[in-house]
N, C-alpha and C. Protein backbone atom coordinates (compact mmCIF):
# COMPACT_ATOMS: atom_id res chain seq x y z
N UNK A 1 0.81 -1.26 -0.14
CA UNK A 1 0.25 -0.03 -0.13
C UNK A 1 0.83 1.63 -0.16
N UNK A 2 1.98 1.10 0.27
CA UNK A 2 3.09 2.07 0.76
C UNK A 2 3.67 2.37 -0.68
N UNK A 3 3.88 1.39 -1.38
CA UNK A 3 4.34 2.06 -2.73
C UNK A 3 2.65 2.26 -3.06
N UNK A 4 2.15 2.24 -2.89
CA UNK A 4 0.47 2.43 -4.40
C UNK A 4 0.69 3.81 -4.26
N UNK A 5 0.88 4.16 -2.75
CA UNK A 5 0.11 5.68 -2.12
C UNK A 5 1.54 6.68 -3.12
N UNK A 6 2.58 5.64 -2.82
CA UNK A 6 4.22 6.55 -3.29
C UNK A 6 3.79 6.96 -5.14
N UNK A 7 3.57 6.07 -6.07
CA UNK A 7 3.48 5.87 -6.94
C UNK A 7 2.59 6.86 -7.23
N UNK A 8 0.55 7.01 -6.85
CA UNK A 8 0.31 7.92 -6.91
C UNK A 8 0.54 9.44 -6.63
N UNK A 9 1.22 10.01 -5.27
CA UNK A 9 2.09 10.88 -4.95
C UNK A 9 3.22 11.18 -6.29
N UNK A 10 3.70 10.74 -6.79
CA UNK A 10 4.94 10.99 -8.00
C UNK A 10 4.10 11.00 -9.71
N UNK A 11 3.25 10.46 -9.43
CA UNK A 11 2.64 10.76 -10.67
C UNK A 11 2.26 12.02 -10.80
N UNK A 12 1.05 11.97 -9.80
CA UNK A 12 -0.01 13.36 -9.88
C UNK A 12 1.35 14.74 -9.72
N UNK A 13 2.93 14.39 -8.45
CA UNK A 13 3.39 15.86 -9.26
C UNK A 13 3.76 15.78 -10.26
N UNK A 14 4.14 14.79 -11.09
CA UNK A 14 4.53 14.73 -12.27
C UNK A 14 3.82 15.37 -13.38
N UNK A 15 2.46 15.34 -13.24
CA UNK A 15 1.74 16.23 -14.03
C UNK A 15 0.77 17.78 -13.91
N UNK A 16 1.12 18.21 -12.79
CA UNK A 16 1.14 19.38 -12.43
C UNK A 16 2.06 20.29 -12.12
N UNK A 17 3.18 20.39 -12.40
CA UNK A 17 3.76 21.13 -13.71
C UNK A 17 3.25 21.44 -14.86
N UNK A 18 2.99 20.74 -15.53
CA UNK A 18 2.37 20.49 -16.84
C UNK A 18 1.78 21.76 -17.30
N UNK A 19 0.40 21.16 -15.74
CA UNK A 19 -1.07 21.88 -15.63
C UNK A 19 -0.86 23.05 -15.32
N UNK A 20 0.31 23.54 -14.49
CA UNK A 20 -0.26 24.79 -14.18
C UNK A 20 0.73 25.83 -14.82
N UNK A 21 1.19 25.31 -15.58
CA UNK A 21 2.98 26.21 -15.89
C UNK A 21 2.64 25.61 -18.08
N UNK A 22 1.33 25.43 -18.40
CA UNK A 22 1.21 24.86 -19.58
C UNK A 22 1.37 26.30 -20.90
N UNK A 23 0.95 26.76 -20.89
CA UNK A 23 0.78 28.04 -21.04
C UNK A 23 2.56 28.40 -22.00
N UNK A 24 3.19 29.38 -21.27
CA UNK A 24 3.92 29.82 -20.59
C UNK A 24 4.87 30.63 -22.89
N UNK A 25 3.73 30.53 -23.14
CA UNK A 25 3.16 31.39 -24.57
C UNK A 25 3.22 29.93 -25.90
N UNK A 26 3.43 29.02 -25.37
CA UNK A 26 3.01 27.90 -26.91
C UNK A 26 1.88 28.20 -26.98
N UNK A 27 0.47 29.09 -27.79
CA UNK A 27 -0.85 29.00 -28.70
C UNK A 27 -0.91 27.11 -29.01
N UNK A 28 -0.57 26.51 -28.43
CA UNK A 28 -0.47 24.92 -29.03
C UNK A 28 -1.18 24.34 -28.24
N UNK A 29 -0.60 25.23 -26.63
CA UNK A 29 -1.19 23.81 -24.49
C UNK A 29 -2.24 25.03 -24.47
N UNK A 30 -3.48 24.39 -24.50
CA UNK A 30 -4.58 24.70 -23.93
C UNK A 30 -4.53 24.70 -22.49
N UNK A 31 -4.82 26.13 -21.95
CA UNK A 31 -4.38 26.26 -20.32
C UNK A 31 -5.90 26.09 -19.37
N UNK A 32 -5.23 25.61 -18.59
CA UNK A 32 -6.21 25.60 -17.67
C UNK A 32 -8.50 26.14 -17.82
N UNK A 33 -8.08 27.27 -17.77
CA UNK A 33 -9.54 28.19 -18.49
C UNK A 33 -9.41 27.75 -20.07
N UNK A 34 -9.42 27.47 -20.44
CA UNK A 34 -9.65 27.28 -22.24
C UNK A 34 -11.10 27.09 -22.04
N UNK A 35 -11.53 27.00 -22.62
CA UNK A 35 -13.23 26.93 -23.19
C UNK A 35 -13.01 27.09 -25.45
N UNK A 36 -13.82 26.75 -26.09
CA UNK A 36 -13.73 26.89 -27.27
C UNK A 36 -14.61 28.52 -27.39
N UNK A 37 -15.74 29.17 -26.18
CA UNK A 37 -15.83 30.32 -26.09
C UNK A 37 -15.31 31.29 -25.97
N UNK A 38 -14.48 30.99 -25.20
CA UNK A 38 -12.89 31.72 -24.46
C UNK A 38 -12.13 32.46 -25.32
N UNK A 39 -11.70 31.21 -26.51
CA UNK A 39 -10.22 31.06 -27.17
C UNK A 39 -11.39 31.96 -28.14
N UNK A 40 -12.62 32.09 -28.30
CA UNK A 40 -13.10 32.13 -29.78
C UNK A 40 -13.26 34.17 -29.02
N UNK A 41 -13.07 34.24 -27.54
CA UNK A 41 -13.34 35.79 -27.46
C UNK A 41 -11.73 36.47 -27.17
N UNK A 42 -11.35 35.84 -26.95
CA UNK A 42 -9.86 35.57 -27.24
C UNK A 42 -8.75 36.21 -28.28
N UNK A 43 -9.59 35.62 -29.30
CA UNK A 43 -7.99 35.70 -31.03
C UNK A 43 -9.58 37.00 -31.72
N UNK A 44 -10.25 36.77 -31.25
CA UNK A 44 -11.01 38.74 -31.22
C UNK A 44 -10.00 39.18 -30.80
N UNK A 45 -10.19 39.63 -29.60
CA UNK A 45 -9.58 40.33 -28.46
C UNK A 45 -8.57 40.84 -28.98
N UNK A 46 -7.20 39.87 -29.32
CA UNK A 46 -6.29 40.11 -29.97
C UNK A 46 -6.52 40.81 -30.80
N UNK A 47 -6.67 40.39 -32.29
CA UNK A 47 -7.36 40.75 -33.73
C UNK A 47 -7.17 42.34 -33.58
N UNK A 48 -8.31 42.64 -32.32
CA UNK A 48 -9.30 44.10 -32.43
C UNK A 48 -8.58 45.10 -31.84
N UNK A 49 -6.91 44.45 -30.88
CA UNK A 49 -6.48 44.92 -30.06
C UNK A 49 -7.84 45.86 -28.53
N UNK A 50 -8.16 44.86 -28.35
CA UNK A 50 -9.73 44.87 -27.49
C UNK A 50 -9.15 44.52 -26.25
N UNK A 51 -8.16 45.88 -25.45
CA UNK A 51 -7.77 45.33 -24.43
C UNK A 51 -8.61 44.95 -22.86
N UNK A 52 -9.79 46.05 -23.27
CA UNK A 52 -10.63 45.62 -22.86
C UNK A 52 -11.22 44.43 -22.35
N UNK A 53 -12.08 43.59 -24.03
CA UNK A 53 -12.61 42.28 -24.04
C UNK A 53 -11.08 41.05 -23.41
N UNK A 54 -9.88 41.17 -23.50
CA UNK A 54 -8.96 40.40 -23.16
C UNK A 54 -8.98 40.47 -21.51
N UNK A 55 -9.13 41.90 -21.34
CA UNK A 55 -8.88 41.57 -20.07
C UNK A 55 -9.83 41.42 -18.83
N UNK A 56 -11.46 41.24 -19.41
CA UNK A 56 -12.87 40.27 -19.11
C UNK A 56 -12.07 39.26 -18.32
N UNK A 57 -11.40 38.40 -19.98
CA UNK A 57 -11.61 36.87 -20.33
C UNK A 57 -10.54 36.69 -19.44
N UNK A 58 -9.99 37.39 -18.58
CA UNK A 58 -8.09 36.87 -17.85
C UNK A 58 -8.72 36.93 -16.40
N UNK A 59 -10.22 37.72 -15.45
CA UNK A 59 -10.59 37.65 -14.57
C UNK A 59 -9.61 37.48 -13.43
N UNK A 60 -7.86 38.33 -13.87
CA UNK A 60 -7.52 39.66 -13.26
C UNK A 60 -7.01 37.79 -12.17
N UNK A 61 -6.71 36.78 -13.36
CA UNK A 61 -5.59 35.65 -12.95
C UNK A 61 -3.94 35.74 -13.47
N UNK A 62 -3.37 35.48 -13.58
CA UNK A 62 -2.45 35.21 -13.70
C UNK A 62 -1.39 36.61 -13.61
N UNK A 63 0.27 36.39 -13.77
CA UNK A 63 1.54 37.14 -13.44
C UNK A 63 0.81 38.44 -14.99
N UNK A 64 0.30 38.05 -16.10
CA UNK A 64 0.72 38.23 -16.84
C UNK A 64 -0.60 39.42 -16.74
N UNK A 65 -1.51 39.84 -16.37
CA UNK A 65 -2.55 40.96 -15.88
C UNK A 65 -1.98 41.64 -15.24
N UNK A 66 -0.80 41.66 -14.30
CA UNK A 66 -0.24 42.22 -13.46
C UNK A 66 0.92 43.26 -14.50
N UNK A 67 1.04 42.58 -15.87
CA UNK A 67 2.06 43.24 -16.38
C UNK A 67 1.84 44.35 -17.95
N UNK A 68 0.73 43.64 -18.21
CA UNK A 68 0.28 43.84 -19.02
C UNK A 68 -0.90 45.11 -19.18
N UNK A 69 -1.53 45.95 -19.53
CA UNK A 69 -2.03 47.02 -19.37
C UNK A 69 -2.55 47.08 -20.73
N UNK A 70 -3.66 48.33 -20.99
CA UNK A 70 -4.12 49.47 -21.79
C UNK A 70 -2.45 49.80 -22.58
N UNK A 71 -1.91 50.29 -21.84
CA UNK A 71 -0.79 50.71 -23.40
C UNK A 71 0.43 50.12 -23.78
N UNK A 72 0.31 48.83 -22.93
CA UNK A 72 1.16 47.95 -23.94
C UNK A 72 0.37 47.25 -24.69
N UNK A 73 -1.36 46.44 -24.69
CA UNK A 73 -1.53 45.68 -25.19
C UNK A 73 -1.41 44.97 -26.23
N UNK A 74 -1.31 46.05 -27.42
CA UNK A 74 -0.90 46.07 -28.45
C UNK A 74 0.06 45.28 -29.20
N UNK A 75 1.17 45.50 -28.31
CA UNK A 75 2.72 44.93 -28.42
C UNK A 75 2.71 43.93 -27.98
N UNK A 76 1.88 43.17 -26.87
CA UNK A 76 1.19 42.35 -26.34
C UNK A 76 0.56 41.46 -27.69
N UNK A 77 -0.44 41.31 -27.85
CA UNK A 77 -1.17 40.84 -29.13
C UNK A 77 -0.67 40.55 -30.44
N UNK A 78 0.81 41.63 -30.24
CA UNK A 78 1.25 41.65 -31.15
C UNK A 78 2.71 40.07 -31.40
N UNK A 79 3.17 39.92 -29.75
CA UNK A 79 3.20 38.89 -30.20
C UNK A 79 2.73 37.48 -29.29
N UNK A 80 1.71 38.13 -29.24
CA UNK A 80 0.66 36.84 -30.26
C UNK A 80 0.24 36.40 -31.11
N UNK A 81 0.17 36.98 -31.88
CA UNK A 81 0.44 37.09 -33.27
C UNK A 81 1.05 36.00 -33.82
N UNK A 82 2.77 36.72 -33.52
CA UNK A 82 3.77 35.36 -34.52
C UNK A 82 3.79 34.85 -33.83
N UNK A 83 3.47 34.74 -32.29
CA UNK A 83 3.94 32.94 -31.74
C UNK A 83 2.74 31.98 -32.56
N UNK A 84 1.35 32.65 -32.67
CA UNK A 84 0.72 31.66 -33.88
C UNK A 84 0.63 31.63 -35.05
N UNK A 85 1.61 32.40 -35.57
CA UNK A 85 2.77 32.73 -37.15
C UNK A 85 3.80 30.93 -36.88
N UNK A 86 4.09 30.82 -35.49
CA UNK A 86 5.23 30.32 -35.24
C UNK A 86 6.46 30.72 -35.43
N UNK A 87 6.49 32.29 -35.12
CA UNK A 87 7.99 32.88 -35.09
C UNK A 87 7.84 33.02 -33.62
N UNK A 88 7.88 32.08 -32.70
CA UNK A 88 8.71 31.83 -30.92
C UNK A 88 8.96 32.34 -30.98
N UNK A 89 10.71 32.73 -31.41
CA UNK A 89 11.86 33.48 -31.00
C UNK A 89 11.24 35.24 -31.10
N UNK A 90 10.75 36.25 -32.07
CA UNK A 90 10.34 36.89 -31.88
C UNK A 90 8.90 36.86 -30.92
N UNK A 91 8.22 36.83 -30.93
CA UNK A 91 7.31 36.21 -29.92
C UNK A 91 7.31 36.29 -28.16
N UNK A 92 8.61 35.90 -28.38
CA UNK A 92 9.51 35.80 -26.69
C UNK A 92 9.99 36.98 -26.63
N UNK A 93 11.00 37.32 -27.57
CA UNK A 93 11.94 38.89 -27.34
C UNK A 93 10.76 39.18 -27.22
N UNK A 94 9.17 39.72 -27.36
CA UNK A 94 8.36 40.92 -27.02
C UNK A 94 8.02 40.15 -25.93
N UNK A 95 7.95 39.02 -25.44
CA UNK A 95 7.13 39.06 -24.46
C UNK A 95 7.99 39.60 -23.14
N UNK A 96 9.86 38.61 -23.97
CA UNK A 96 10.62 39.56 -22.61
C UNK A 96 10.69 41.51 -22.44
N UNK A 97 10.48 41.73 -23.88
CA UNK A 97 10.33 43.15 -23.49
C UNK A 97 8.95 43.73 -22.79
N UNK A 98 8.57 43.29 -22.81
CA UNK A 98 7.77 43.78 -22.17
C UNK A 98 7.62 43.31 -20.40
N UNK A 99 8.15 41.91 -20.51
CA UNK A 99 8.66 41.91 -18.66
C UNK A 99 7.54 40.82 -17.78
N UNK A 100 7.34 40.14 -19.19
CA UNK A 100 6.99 38.81 -19.40
C UNK A 100 7.86 37.39 -19.39
N UNK A 101 9.04 37.03 -18.46
CA UNK A 101 10.17 36.27 -18.60
C UNK A 101 8.87 34.67 -18.49
N UNK A 102 9.79 34.21 -19.34
CA UNK A 102 9.14 32.67 -20.01
C UNK A 102 10.03 31.19 -19.00
N UNK A 103 9.87 31.57 -17.82
CA UNK A 103 9.68 30.84 -16.83
C UNK A 103 12.49 30.41 -16.64
N UNK A 104 12.77 31.39 -16.95
CA UNK A 104 14.24 31.32 -17.18
C UNK A 104 14.56 30.62 -18.42
N UNK A 105 15.95 29.56 -18.15
CA UNK A 105 16.07 28.71 -19.23
C UNK A 105 15.67 27.20 -19.28
N UNK A 106 15.09 27.26 -18.25
CA UNK A 106 14.84 25.63 -17.53
C UNK A 106 13.44 25.27 -19.37
N UNK A 107 12.56 26.75 -18.47
CA UNK A 107 11.45 26.22 -19.56
C UNK A 107 10.75 25.41 -19.09
N UNK A 108 10.85 24.69 -17.28
CA UNK A 108 10.08 24.25 -16.76
C UNK A 108 8.45 25.22 -15.78
N UNK A 109 9.22 26.57 -15.86
CA UNK A 109 7.76 27.59 -14.96
C UNK A 109 8.49 27.96 -13.23
N UNK A 110 9.44 26.87 -13.29
CA UNK A 110 10.04 26.46 -11.81
C UNK A 110 11.47 27.95 -11.68
N UNK A 111 11.96 28.32 -12.84
CA UNK A 111 13.71 29.10 -12.57
C UNK A 111 12.47 30.18 -13.11
N UNK A 112 11.70 31.51 -12.33
CA UNK A 112 10.84 32.51 -12.75
C UNK A 112 12.00 33.89 -12.85
N UNK A 113 13.04 34.06 -12.90
CA UNK A 113 14.26 34.99 -12.27
C UNK A 113 14.08 35.92 -13.32
N UNK A 114 13.43 35.66 -14.92
CA UNK A 114 13.23 36.69 -15.55
C UNK A 114 11.87 37.78 -15.51
N UNK A 115 11.31 36.73 -14.31
CA UNK A 115 9.80 37.31 -13.98
C UNK A 115 9.61 38.37 -12.66
């Protein structure tokens, strides 16, 4: 029983970081708040440079809401567009410029030097 319990705990711990830090700039990863409806609204907000709609959908969650504001949203939307086009390096450069580090060089979200 002890080994079974340990296996469950270790299995849960291995999944947890992937769930918590799913997005981190990769538009192909669906975050924990993903729904088709929300995705459509967010996509439209990025296309129309609609900060208010984006902020409403964010519901005050995440560090991004502390960094992105009406003044720099268009730059953030540009980074999103570049990422969707597969121009990840360019998108990440903008994200870093905005103060949205990508979890350091480890890529796992735990090393948050750049944030």
